[in-house]
Amino acid sequence: MKNIVFLFILFCISVSVSAQLGLSLGGGANFSNLKVDNLDSFKPTSSTNYFLSVKPEFHLTENLCIALDIQFSQKGFGLNADTTDFIDGYKFQYLDIIPQVQYKLFKQLAIYGGLGVGIRGSEKYKIRDAWEEAVTKVSSGTDFTYVVGVRIFATDKLFLQAHYAGGLTSFYKDTVFTDPQGNEIENADTKLRNFQLGLGYQLF
């Protein structure tokens, strides 16, 4: 009898937990650029790339959930002609891991935010209209960000997602910036920022 009661309780717990679990898939466009401080001669331009997303989530209440957005994400930036004589732009492949909290204001609208880390894989530069893999990487291997966003639910399953991710750490690693006279520029800093727009579908 005790075994039957225990199995029944275990079954009820598993049903309750499974009802709170969810999984979403998504993808869309990245619009990224490099935020530059105290570097007047360095003028990056925006770049359009893509992302693919898998997002397991756990619903704490009907309106509140925590999630882990795992993204295969390509970002980058362009360079003006007067910035460099050779390289036209860069693109980077990231594995982004973004823990986040989402709150539904009402059935069709949710806001969310969190902190993320991007693990950089490949780094490529564009020269003479061809992309080449960088042997010496200029970017940091990890990129820490904050994320704020909104999701609009067209149906119970289908949603539109838009978010902004701002860099918390310097994008360039071990780089000293100098002026035209060769003097080191103090307080020079670069941070990657990214606006993301995409569609998602909640499998369960």
N, C-alpha and C. Protein backbone atom coordinates (compact mmCIF):
# COMPACT_ATOMS: atom_id res chain seq x y z
N MET A 1 0.83 -1.21 0.00
CA MET A 1 0.00 0.00 0.00
C MET A 1 0.87 1.26 0.00
N LYS A 2 1.94 1.25 0.82
CA LYS A 2 2.84 2.39 0.88
C LYS A 2 3.50 2.64 -0.47
N ASN A 3 3.85 1.54 -1.15
CA ASN A 3 4.47 1.67 -2.47
C ASN A 3 3.52 2.30 -3.48
N ILE A 4 2.25 1.94 -3.39
CA ILE A 4 1.25 2.51 -4.30
C ILE A 4 1.09 4.00 -4.05
N VAL A 5 1.03 4.39 -2.77
CA VAL A 5 0.90 5.81 -2.41
C VAL A 5 2.13 6.59 -2.90
N PHE A 6 3.32 6.01 -2.70
CA PHE A 6 4.56 6.67 -3.13
C PHE A 6 4.59 6.87 -4.64
N LEU A 7 4.20 5.83 -5.38
CA LEU A 7 4.17 5.91 -6.84
C LEU A 7 3.16 6.94 -7.32
N PHE A 8 2.04 7.03 -6.62
CA PHE A 8 1.01 7.99 -6.99
C PHE A 8 1.52 9.42 -6.78
N ILE A 9 2.19 9.66 -5.63
CA ILE A 9 2.75 10.99 -5.35
C ILE A 9 3.81 11.35 -6.38
N LEU A 10 4.68 10.37 -6.70
CA LEU A 10 5.72 10.60 -7.70
C LEU A 10 5.13 10.92 -9.06
N PHE A 11 4.06 10.22 -9.42
CA PHE A 11 3.39 10.47 -10.69
C PHE A 11 2.81 11.89 -10.73
N CYS A 12 2.19 12.31 -9.63
CA CYS A 12 1.59 13.65 -9.57
C CYS A 12 2.65 14.73 -9.70
N ILE A 13 3.81 14.50 -9.03
CA ILE A 13 4.90 15.48 -9.11
C ILE A 13 5.44 15.58 -10.53
N SER A 14 5.63 14.43 -11.18
CA SER A 14 6.17 14.42 -12.55
C SER A 14 5.21 15.09 -13.52
N VAL A 15 3.91 14.87 -13.34
CA VAL A 15 2.92 15.51 -14.21
C VAL A 15 2.94 17.01 -14.00
N SER A 16 3.06 17.43 -12.73
CA SER A 16 3.09 18.86 -12.42
C SER A 16 4.31 19.54 -13.01
N VAL A 17 5.49 18.89 -12.88
CA VAL A 17 6.73 19.46 -13.41
C VAL A 17 6.69 19.52 -14.92
N SER A 18 6.23 18.43 -15.57
CA SER A 18 6.20 18.40 -17.03
C SER A 18 5.25 19.45 -17.59
N ALA A 19 4.19 19.77 -16.83
CA ALA A 19 3.26 20.80 -17.27
C ALA A 19 3.90 22.18 -17.22
N GLN A 20 4.94 22.34 -16.41
CA GLN A 20 5.60 23.63 -16.28
C GLN A 20 6.77 23.80 -17.24
N LEU A 21 7.21 22.74 -17.87
CA LEU A 21 8.34 22.80 -18.78
C LEU A 21 7.88 23.20 -20.19
N GLY A 22 8.76 23.90 -20.90
CA GLY A 22 8.45 24.29 -22.27
C GLY A 22 9.72 24.29 -23.12
N LEU A 23 9.53 24.28 -24.42
CA LEU A 23 10.66 24.32 -25.35
C LEU A 23 10.25 25.08 -26.59
N SER A 24 11.08 26.08 -26.96
CA SER A 24 10.80 26.89 -28.14
C SER A 24 11.99 26.85 -29.10
N LEU A 25 11.69 26.94 -30.38
CA LEU A 25 12.70 27.07 -31.43
C LEU A 25 12.49 28.40 -32.15
N GLY A 26 13.57 28.99 -32.64
CA GLY A 26 13.41 30.27 -33.32
C GLY A 26 14.59 30.60 -34.20
N GLY A 27 14.48 31.72 -34.87
CA GLY A 27 15.55 32.21 -35.74
C GLY A 27 15.18 33.55 -36.30
N GLY A 28 16.19 34.23 -36.86
CA GLY A 28 15.93 35.54 -37.43
C GLY A 28 17.21 36.27 -37.76
N ALA A 29 17.14 37.60 -37.68
CA ALA A 29 18.23 38.45 -38.13
C ALA A 29 18.91 39.16 -36.96
N ASN A 30 20.24 39.30 -37.06
CA ASN A 30 21.04 40.12 -36.16
C ASN A 30 21.46 41.38 -36.89
N PHE A 31 21.30 42.52 -36.22
CA PHE A 31 21.79 43.80 -36.74
C PHE A 31 22.81 44.32 -35.72
N SER A 32 24.08 44.12 -36.01
CA SER A 32 25.11 44.38 -35.02
C SER A 32 26.07 45.47 -35.46
N ASN A 33 26.73 46.06 -34.47
CA ASN A 33 27.71 47.10 -34.73
C ASN A 33 28.65 47.17 -33.54
N LEU A 34 29.67 47.97 -33.66
CA LEU A 34 30.65 48.14 -32.61
C LEU A 34 30.52 49.53 -32.02
N LYS A 35 30.27 49.60 -30.72
CA LYS A 35 30.21 50.88 -30.02
C LYS A 35 31.64 51.31 -29.69
N VAL A 36 32.01 52.50 -30.14
CA VAL A 36 33.39 52.97 -30.01
C VAL A 36 33.43 54.22 -29.14
N ASP A 37 34.31 54.22 -28.15
CA ASP A 37 34.51 55.37 -27.27
C ASP A 37 35.92 55.91 -27.43
N ASN A 38 36.01 57.24 -27.63
CA ASN A 38 37.30 57.95 -27.69
C ASN A 38 38.18 57.49 -28.86
N LEU A 39 37.53 57.09 -29.96
CA LEU A 39 38.28 56.69 -31.16
C LEU A 39 37.63 57.33 -32.38
N ASP A 40 37.94 58.60 -32.60
CA ASP A 40 37.28 59.35 -33.68
C ASP A 40 37.63 58.83 -35.06
N SER A 41 38.82 58.26 -35.21
CA SER A 41 39.26 57.81 -36.53
C SER A 41 38.75 56.42 -36.89
N PHE A 42 38.17 55.73 -35.91
CA PHE A 42 37.69 54.35 -36.13
C PHE A 42 36.18 54.39 -36.29
N LYS A 43 35.68 54.07 -37.50
CA LYS A 43 34.27 54.27 -37.81
C LYS A 43 33.63 52.98 -38.33
N PRO A 44 33.29 52.05 -37.46
CA PRO A 44 32.62 50.83 -37.91
C PRO A 44 31.19 51.11 -38.34
N THR A 45 30.66 50.27 -39.21
CA THR A 45 29.28 50.38 -39.68
C THR A 45 28.54 49.10 -39.32
N SER A 46 27.22 49.16 -39.38
CA SER A 46 26.40 48.02 -38.97
C SER A 46 26.47 46.88 -39.98
N SER A 47 26.16 45.68 -39.50
CA SER A 47 26.21 44.47 -40.33
C SER A 47 24.99 43.62 -40.02
N THR A 48 24.43 42.98 -41.04
CA THR A 48 23.26 42.11 -40.89
C THR A 48 23.67 40.65 -41.03
N ASN A 49 23.29 39.85 -40.02
CA ASN A 49 23.61 38.42 -40.03
C ASN A 49 22.40 37.63 -39.53
N TYR A 50 22.59 36.50 -38.90
CA TYR A 50 21.46 35.63 -38.54
C TYR A 50 21.70 34.95 -37.20
N PHE A 51 20.63 34.36 -36.66
CA PHE A 51 20.75 33.53 -35.46
C PHE A 51 19.73 32.39 -35.52
N LEU A 52 20.05 31.29 -34.86
CA LEU A 52 19.15 30.16 -34.63
C LEU A 52 19.09 29.91 -33.13
N SER A 53 17.90 29.59 -32.61
CA SER A 53 17.71 29.55 -31.17
C SER A 53 16.98 28.29 -30.71
N VAL A 54 17.42 27.75 -29.56
CA VAL A 54 16.71 26.70 -28.83
C VAL A 54 16.53 27.22 -27.41
N LYS A 55 15.29 27.24 -26.91
CA LYS A 55 15.03 27.88 -25.62
C LYS A 55 14.18 26.99 -24.71
N PRO A 56 14.82 26.18 -23.84
CA PRO A 56 14.05 25.49 -22.80
C PRO A 56 13.62 26.49 -21.73
N GLU A 57 12.43 26.28 -21.18
CA GLU A 57 11.91 27.22 -20.19
C GLU A 57 11.12 26.48 -19.11
N PHE A 58 11.05 27.15 -17.95
CA PHE A 58 10.32 26.58 -16.81
C PHE A 58 9.36 27.64 -16.31
N HIS A 59 8.05 27.31 -16.32
CA HIS A 59 7.01 28.26 -15.95
C HIS A 59 6.76 28.20 -14.44
N LEU A 60 7.09 29.33 -13.78
CA LEU A 60 6.89 29.42 -12.34
C LEU A 60 5.42 29.71 -12.01
N THR A 61 4.81 30.57 -12.81
CA THR A 61 3.38 30.87 -12.71
C THR A 61 2.84 30.96 -14.14
N GLU A 62 1.59 31.33 -14.26
CA GLU A 62 0.99 31.46 -15.59
C GLU A 62 1.67 32.56 -16.39
N ASN A 63 2.16 33.60 -15.71
CA ASN A 63 2.74 34.75 -16.40
C ASN A 63 4.27 34.83 -16.30
N LEU A 64 4.85 34.13 -15.35
CA LEU A 64 6.28 34.26 -15.08
C LEU A 64 7.02 32.98 -15.40
N CYS A 65 8.13 33.10 -16.12
CA CYS A 65 8.94 31.92 -16.42
C CYS A 65 10.41 32.30 -16.48
N ILE A 66 11.26 31.30 -16.26
CA ILE A 66 12.70 31.46 -16.45
C ILE A 66 13.09 30.59 -17.64
N ALA A 67 14.10 31.03 -18.39
CA ALA A 67 14.46 30.31 -19.62
C ALA A 67 15.96 30.40 -19.84
N LEU A 68 16.44 29.52 -20.67
CA LEU A 68 17.84 29.52 -21.09
C LEU A 68 17.86 29.52 -22.62
N ASP A 69 18.10 30.70 -23.19
CA ASP A 69 18.12 30.84 -24.64
C ASP A 69 19.52 30.49 -25.15
N ILE A 70 19.62 29.44 -25.94
CA ILE A 70 20.90 28.97 -26.50
C ILE A 70 20.87 29.28 -28.00
N GLN A 71 21.79 30.13 -28.43
CA GLN A 71 21.76 30.60 -29.81
C GLN A 71 23.06 30.31 -30.56
N PHE A 72 22.90 29.88 -31.79
CA PHE A 72 23.99 29.82 -32.75
C PHE A 72 23.88 31.11 -33.54
N SER A 73 24.79 32.05 -33.31
CA SER A 73 24.56 33.43 -33.72
C SER A 73 25.77 34.01 -34.44
N GLN A 74 25.52 34.62 -35.60
CA GLN A 74 26.58 35.29 -36.34
C GLN A 74 26.40 36.80 -36.24
N LYS A 75 27.49 37.49 -35.87
CA LYS A 75 27.45 38.94 -35.71
C LYS A 75 28.66 39.54 -36.43
N GLY A 76 28.69 40.85 -36.53
CA GLY A 76 29.83 41.47 -37.17
C GLY A 76 29.68 42.97 -37.30
N PHE A 77 30.56 43.57 -38.07
CA PHE A 77 30.49 45.00 -38.38
C PHE A 77 31.31 45.27 -39.63
N GLY A 78 30.97 46.38 -40.30
CA GLY A 78 31.72 46.78 -41.47
C GLY A 78 32.71 47.88 -41.12
N LEU A 79 33.56 48.21 -42.07
CA LEU A 79 34.55 49.27 -41.88
C LEU A 79 34.50 50.22 -43.06
N ASN A 80 34.53 51.51 -42.77
CA ASN A 80 34.54 52.52 -43.83
C ASN A 80 35.87 52.51 -44.57
N ALA A 81 35.85 53.02 -45.78
CA ALA A 81 37.06 53.01 -46.61
C ALA A 81 38.19 53.82 -45.99
N ASP A 82 37.83 54.88 -45.23
CA ASP A 82 38.89 55.70 -44.65
C ASP A 82 39.41 55.14 -43.34
N THR A 83 38.83 54.02 -42.89
CA THR A 83 39.28 53.38 -41.65
C THR A 83 40.45 52.44 -41.93
N THR A 84 40.40 51.73 -43.04
CA THR A 84 41.45 50.77 -43.39
C THR A 84 41.58 50.67 -44.90
N ASP A 85 42.78 50.42 -45.36
CA ASP A 85 43.02 50.31 -46.79
C ASP A 85 42.73 48.90 -47.32
N PHE A 86 42.51 47.95 -46.40
CA PHE A 86 42.43 46.57 -46.85
C PHE A 86 41.14 45.86 -46.40
N ILE A 87 40.85 45.89 -45.12
CA ILE A 87 39.75 45.09 -44.57
C ILE A 87 38.45 45.87 -44.62
N ASP A 88 37.40 45.23 -45.18
CA ASP A 88 36.09 45.87 -45.33
C ASP A 88 35.14 45.55 -44.18
N GLY A 89 35.43 44.51 -43.42
CA GLY A 89 34.53 44.15 -42.33
C GLY A 89 34.94 42.86 -41.65
N TYR A 90 34.25 42.58 -40.55
CA TYR A 90 34.47 41.36 -39.77
C TYR A 90 33.14 40.67 -39.51
N LYS A 91 33.18 39.34 -39.39
CA LYS A 91 32.02 38.61 -38.88
C LYS A 91 32.52 37.50 -37.95
N PHE A 92 31.71 37.21 -36.94
CA PHE A 92 32.09 36.31 -35.86
C PHE A 92 30.97 35.33 -35.60
N GLN A 93 31.33 34.09 -35.37
CA GLN A 93 30.34 33.06 -35.03
C GLN A 93 30.37 32.84 -33.52
N TYR A 94 29.20 32.95 -32.90
CA TYR A 94 29.10 32.82 -31.45
C TYR A 94 28.14 31.70 -31.06
N LEU A 95 28.44 31.08 -29.91
CA LEU A 95 27.46 30.29 -29.19
C LEU A 95 27.04 31.16 -28.02
N ASP A 96 25.84 31.71 -28.09
CA ASP A 96 25.33 32.60 -27.05
C ASP A 96 24.47 31.82 -26.06
N ILE A 97 24.76 31.99 -24.78
CA ILE A 97 24.00 31.36 -23.70
C ILE A 97 23.40 32.48 -22.86
N ILE A 98 22.06 32.58 -22.88
CA ILE A 98 21.39 33.75 -22.30
C ILE A 98 20.32 33.31 -21.29
N PRO A 99 20.67 33.18 -20.00
CA PRO A 99 19.64 32.97 -18.98
C PRO A 99 18.77 34.22 -18.88
N GLN A 100 17.47 34.01 -18.74
CA GLN A 100 16.58 35.17 -18.75
C GLN A 100 15.30 34.90 -17.96
N VAL A 101 14.66 35.99 -17.59
CA VAL A 101 13.36 35.95 -16.91
C VAL A 101 12.34 36.64 -17.81
N GLN A 102 11.20 35.97 -18.01
CA GLN A 102 10.15 36.53 -18.86
C GLN A 102 8.87 36.73 -18.04
N TYR A 103 8.22 37.87 -18.28
CA TYR A 103 6.95 38.14 -17.61
C TYR A 103 5.91 38.55 -18.65
N LYS A 104 4.77 37.88 -18.65
CA LYS A 104 3.69 38.21 -19.57
C LYS A 104 2.82 39.31 -18.96
N LEU A 105 2.82 40.46 -19.63
CA LEU A 105 1.96 41.55 -19.19
C LEU A 105 0.50 41.22 -19.43
N PHE A 106 0.24 40.59 -20.55
CA PHE A 106 -1.05 39.98 -20.84
C PHE A 106 -0.83 38.89 -21.87
N LYS A 107 -1.87 38.26 -22.34
CA LYS A 107 -1.74 37.03 -23.12
C LYS A 107 -0.86 37.19 -24.36
N GLN A 108 -0.95 38.34 -25.01
CA GLN A 108 -0.23 38.52 -26.29
C GLN A 108 1.13 39.21 -26.15
N LEU A 109 1.49 39.66 -24.96
CA LEU A 109 2.70 40.47 -24.83
C LEU A 109 3.51 40.09 -23.59
N ALA A 110 4.81 39.88 -23.81
CA ALA A 110 5.73 39.55 -22.70
C ALA A 110 6.99 40.39 -22.82
N ILE A 111 7.57 40.73 -21.69
CA ILE A 111 8.87 41.39 -21.65
C ILE A 111 9.86 40.45 -20.98
N TYR A 112 11.13 40.59 -21.31
CA TYR A 112 12.13 39.71 -20.71
C TYR A 112 13.48 40.40 -20.62
N GLY A 113 14.33 39.87 -19.79
CA GLY A 113 15.67 40.41 -19.64
C GLY A 113 16.59 39.38 -19.00
N GLY A 114 17.88 39.60 -19.16
CA GLY A 114 18.83 38.66 -18.58
C GLY A 114 20.26 39.06 -18.88
N LEU A 115 21.17 38.21 -18.47
CA LEU A 115 22.60 38.38 -18.74
C LEU A 115 23.07 37.20 -19.56
N GLY A 116 23.96 37.46 -20.51
CA GLY A 116 24.41 36.39 -21.39
C GLY A 116 25.91 36.36 -21.56
N VAL A 117 26.37 35.25 -22.07
CA VAL A 117 27.78 35.12 -22.43
C VAL A 117 27.86 34.52 -23.83
N GLY A 118 28.66 35.13 -24.68
CA GLY A 118 28.88 34.62 -26.02
C GLY A 118 30.27 34.01 -26.12
N ILE A 119 30.32 32.78 -26.58
CA ILE A 119 31.60 32.08 -26.76
C ILE A 119 31.93 32.13 -28.25
N ARG A 120 32.99 32.88 -28.57
CA ARG A 120 33.33 33.08 -29.97
C ARG A 120 33.98 31.85 -30.58
N GLY A 121 33.45 31.46 -31.73
CA GLY A 121 34.05 30.37 -32.50
C GLY A 121 34.95 30.94 -33.58
N SER A 122 34.44 31.01 -34.79
CA SER A 122 35.24 31.51 -35.90
C SER A 122 35.25 33.04 -35.94
N GLU A 123 36.29 33.57 -36.55
CA GLU A 123 36.41 35.00 -36.80
C GLU A 123 36.92 35.18 -38.22
N LYS A 124 36.16 35.90 -39.03
CA LYS A 124 36.53 36.11 -40.43
C LYS A 124 36.56 37.60 -40.76
N TYR A 125 37.42 37.95 -41.71
CA TYR A 125 37.48 39.33 -42.20
C TYR A 125 37.27 39.33 -43.71
N LYS A 126 36.73 40.43 -44.20
CA LYS A 126 36.44 40.56 -45.62
C LYS A 126 37.49 41.43 -46.28
N ILE A 127 38.11 40.91 -47.32
CA ILE A 127 39.12 41.65 -48.05
C ILE A 127 38.96 41.36 -49.54
N ARG A 128 38.82 42.42 -50.31
CA ARG A 128 38.60 42.30 -51.77
C ARG A 128 37.41 41.40 -52.08
N ASP A 129 36.31 41.65 -51.35
CA ASP A 129 35.02 40.95 -51.55
C ASP A 129 35.09 39.46 -51.25
N ALA A 130 36.08 39.02 -50.51
CA ALA A 130 36.19 37.60 -50.12
C ALA A 130 36.40 37.50 -48.61
N TRP A 131 35.73 36.50 -48.00
CA TRP A 131 35.86 36.29 -46.55
C TRP A 131 36.98 35.27 -46.30
N GLU A 132 37.85 35.62 -45.35
CA GLU A 132 38.96 34.74 -44.99
C GLU A 132 38.99 34.55 -43.48
N GLU A 133 39.35 33.34 -43.06
CA GLU A 133 39.46 33.05 -41.62
C GLU A 133 40.67 33.75 -41.05
N ALA A 134 40.47 34.43 -39.92
CA ALA A 134 41.57 35.15 -39.27
C ALA A 134 42.47 34.17 -38.52
N VAL A 135 43.74 34.23 -38.80
CA VAL A 135 44.71 33.39 -38.09
C VAL A 135 44.94 33.95 -36.69
N THR A 136 45.18 35.24 -36.62
CA THR A 136 45.33 35.93 -35.33
C THR A 136 44.02 36.64 -35.01
N LYS A 137 43.36 36.24 -33.93
CA LYS A 137 42.06 36.79 -33.57
C LYS A 137 42.21 38.15 -32.90
N VAL A 138 41.41 39.11 -33.35
CA VAL A 138 41.43 40.43 -32.71
C VAL A 138 40.40 40.54 -31.60
N SER A 139 39.36 39.69 -31.64
CA SER A 139 38.27 39.78 -30.68
C SER A 139 38.54 38.90 -29.47
N SER A 140 37.89 39.25 -28.36
CA SER A 140 37.98 38.44 -27.16
C SER A 140 37.24 37.12 -27.37
N GLY A 141 37.69 36.07 -26.70
CA GLY A 141 37.05 34.76 -26.86
C GLY A 141 35.68 34.67 -26.24
N THR A 142 35.36 35.57 -25.30
CA THR A 142 34.04 35.59 -24.66
C THR A 142 33.51 37.03 -24.66
N ASP A 143 32.20 37.14 -24.78
CA ASP A 143 31.56 38.46 -24.80
C ASP A 143 30.39 38.43 -23.82
N PHE A 144 30.49 39.18 -22.73
CA PHE A 144 29.42 39.23 -21.73
C PHE A 144 28.47 40.38 -22.07
N THR A 145 27.16 40.10 -21.97
CA THR A 145 26.17 41.09 -22.39
C THR A 145 25.01 41.15 -21.40
N TYR A 146 24.26 42.24 -21.49
CA TYR A 146 22.93 42.32 -20.88
C TYR A 146 21.91 42.32 -22.01
N VAL A 147 20.73 41.77 -21.75
CA VAL A 147 19.71 41.62 -22.79
C VAL A 147 18.37 42.12 -22.26
N VAL A 148 17.67 42.93 -23.05
CA VAL A 148 16.29 43.32 -22.76
C VAL A 148 15.49 43.14 -24.04
N GLY A 149 14.25 42.64 -23.89
CA GLY A 149 13.48 42.37 -25.09
C GLY A 149 12.00 42.24 -24.86
N VAL A 150 11.29 42.00 -25.95
CA VAL A 150 9.84 41.86 -25.93
C VAL A 150 9.44 40.72 -26.86
N ARG A 151 8.41 39.98 -26.48
CA ARG A 151 7.83 38.95 -27.34
C ARG A 151 6.35 39.23 -27.52
N ILE A 152 5.92 39.19 -28.79
CA ILE A 152 4.52 39.39 -29.14
C ILE A 152 3.98 38.06 -29.65
N PHE A 153 2.97 37.52 -28.98
CA PHE A 153 2.42 36.21 -29.32
C PHE A 153 1.26 36.36 -30.30
N ALA A 154 1.50 35.93 -31.54
CA ALA A 154 0.44 35.96 -32.55
C ALA A 154 -0.61 34.89 -32.27
N THR A 155 -0.13 33.73 -31.76
CA THR A 155 -1.00 32.64 -31.32
C THR A 155 -0.43 32.12 -30.00
N ASP A 156 -1.00 31.04 -29.48
CA ASP A 156 -0.47 30.44 -28.26
C ASP A 156 0.93 29.89 -28.47
N LYS A 157 1.29 29.58 -29.70
CA LYS A 157 2.58 28.94 -30.01
C LYS A 157 3.56 29.85 -30.75
N LEU A 158 3.05 30.68 -31.65
CA LEU A 158 3.89 31.48 -32.53
C LEU A 158 4.11 32.88 -31.96
N PHE A 159 5.38 33.33 -31.94
CA PHE A 159 5.66 34.66 -31.40
C PHE A 159 6.74 35.38 -32.20
N LEU A 160 6.67 36.70 -32.14
CA LEU A 160 7.69 37.59 -32.70
C LEU A 160 8.56 38.07 -31.55
N GLN A 161 9.87 38.05 -31.77
CA GLN A 161 10.81 38.40 -30.71
C GLN A 161 11.72 39.53 -31.17
N ALA A 162 11.92 40.52 -30.30
CA ALA A 162 12.86 41.61 -30.58
C ALA A 162 13.62 41.90 -29.30
N HIS A 163 14.95 41.95 -29.40
CA HIS A 163 15.71 42.31 -28.21
C HIS A 163 17.00 43.05 -28.55
N TYR A 164 17.50 43.73 -27.53
CA TYR A 164 18.75 44.47 -27.65
C TYR A 164 19.76 43.86 -26.68
N ALA A 165 20.97 43.61 -27.17
CA ALA A 165 22.04 43.08 -26.33
C ALA A 165 23.21 44.06 -26.37
N GLY A 166 23.59 44.54 -25.19
CA GLY A 166 24.71 45.48 -25.09
C GLY A 166 25.90 44.83 -24.42
N GLY A 167 27.08 45.08 -24.94
CA GLY A 167 28.29 44.48 -24.38
C GLY A 167 28.65 45.05 -23.02
N LEU A 168 29.13 44.19 -22.14
CA LEU A 168 29.59 44.59 -20.81
C LEU A 168 31.11 44.59 -20.71
N THR A 169 31.77 43.97 -21.67
CA THR A 169 33.23 43.87 -21.66
C THR A 169 33.79 44.35 -22.99
N SER A 170 35.07 44.70 -22.99
CA SER A 170 35.72 45.20 -24.20
C SER A 170 35.74 44.12 -25.28
N PHE A 171 35.45 44.54 -26.50
CA PHE A 171 35.39 43.59 -27.60
C PHE A 171 36.78 43.18 -28.08
N TYR A 172 37.65 44.17 -28.28
CA TYR A 172 39.01 43.87 -28.73
C TYR A 172 39.87 43.40 -27.56
N LYS A 173 40.69 42.41 -27.80
CA LYS A 173 41.57 41.89 -26.75
C LYS A 173 43.00 42.36 -27.00
N ASP A 174 43.66 42.74 -25.92
CA ASP A 174 45.10 43.08 -25.96
C ASP A 174 45.43 44.02 -27.11
N THR A 175 44.58 45.03 -27.31
CA THR A 175 44.79 45.96 -28.41
C THR A 175 45.08 47.36 -27.87
N VAL A 176 46.14 47.99 -28.37
CA VAL A 176 46.48 49.36 -28.02
C VAL A 176 46.15 50.25 -29.21
N PHE A 177 45.29 51.24 -29.00
CA PHE A 177 44.90 52.16 -30.06
C PHE A 177 45.78 53.41 -29.99
N THR A 178 46.20 53.90 -31.17
CA THR A 178 47.05 55.08 -31.23
C THR A 178 46.45 56.12 -32.18
N ASP A 179 46.85 57.38 -31.99
CA ASP A 179 46.42 58.45 -32.89
C ASP A 179 47.36 58.50 -34.09
N PRO A 180 47.10 59.39 -35.08
CA PRO A 180 47.95 59.45 -36.28
C PRO A 180 49.43 59.73 -35.98
N GLN A 181 49.72 60.29 -34.81
CA GLN A 181 51.10 60.56 -34.43
C GLN A 181 51.75 59.40 -33.70
N GLY A 182 50.99 58.33 -33.49
CA GLY A 182 51.54 57.15 -32.82
C GLY A 182 51.43 57.17 -31.32
N ASN A 183 50.71 58.16 -30.76
CA ASN A 183 50.53 58.22 -29.31
C ASN A 183 49.37 57.34 -28.87
N GLU A 184 49.54 56.66 -27.77
CA GLU A 184 48.49 55.79 -27.26
C GLU A 184 47.28 56.61 -26.83
N ILE A 185 46.10 56.13 -27.23
CA ILE A 185 44.84 56.79 -26.85
C ILE A 185 44.34 56.17 -25.55
N GLU A 186 44.29 56.97 -24.51
CA GLU A 186 43.81 56.47 -23.23
C GLU A 186 42.28 56.41 -23.22
N ASN A 187 41.74 55.49 -22.44
CA ASN A 187 40.29 55.32 -22.27
C ASN A 187 39.59 54.92 -23.56
N ALA A 188 40.33 54.43 -24.54
CA ALA A 188 39.69 53.91 -25.75
C ALA A 188 39.01 52.59 -25.43
N ASP A 189 37.79 52.43 -25.92
CA ASP A 189 37.05 51.20 -25.60
C ASP A 189 36.11 50.84 -26.75
N THR A 190 35.87 49.55 -26.91
CA THR A 190 34.95 49.05 -27.94
C THR A 190 34.07 47.97 -27.33
N LYS A 191 32.78 48.03 -27.63
CA LYS A 191 31.83 47.03 -27.14
C LYS A 191 30.89 46.64 -28.28
N LEU A 192 30.66 45.35 -28.41
CA LEU A 192 29.75 44.86 -29.44
C LEU A 192 28.31 45.04 -28.97
N ARG A 193 27.46 45.53 -29.85
CA ARG A 193 26.03 45.65 -29.52
C ARG A 193 25.23 45.04 -30.66
N ASN A 194 24.07 44.52 -30.31
CA ASN A 194 23.31 43.74 -31.29
C ASN A 194 21.81 43.91 -31.07
N PHE A 195 21.09 44.22 -32.15
CA PHE A 195 19.63 44.22 -32.13
C PHE A 195 19.17 42.99 -32.89
N GLN A 196 18.25 42.27 -32.29
CA GLN A 196 17.82 40.99 -32.86
C GLN A 196 16.32 40.99 -33.11
N LEU A 197 15.93 40.50 -34.27
CA LEU A 197 14.52 40.41 -34.64
C LEU A 197 14.27 39.03 -35.26
N GLY A 198 13.29 38.30 -34.71
CA GLY A 198 13.07 36.96 -35.22
C GLY A 198 11.70 36.41 -34.89
N LEU A 199 11.47 35.19 -35.35
CA LEU A 199 10.25 34.45 -35.08
C LEU A 199 10.57 33.22 -34.26
N GLY A 200 9.64 32.83 -33.39
CA GLY A 200 9.82 31.62 -32.59
C GLY A 200 8.54 30.81 -32.55
N TYR A 201 8.70 29.52 -32.23
CA TYR A 201 7.54 28.63 -32.12
C TYR A 201 7.72 27.75 -30.89
N GLN A 202 6.73 27.76 -30.03
CA GLN A 202 6.78 26.96 -28.80
C GLN A 202 6.27 25.56 -29.09
N LEU A 203 7.17 24.57 -29.00
CA LEU A 203 6.79 23.19 -29.29
C LEU A 203 5.87 22.63 -28.22
N PHE A 204 6.17 22.95 -26.95
CA PHE A 204 5.29 22.55 -25.83
C PHE A 204 5.54 23.44 -24.65
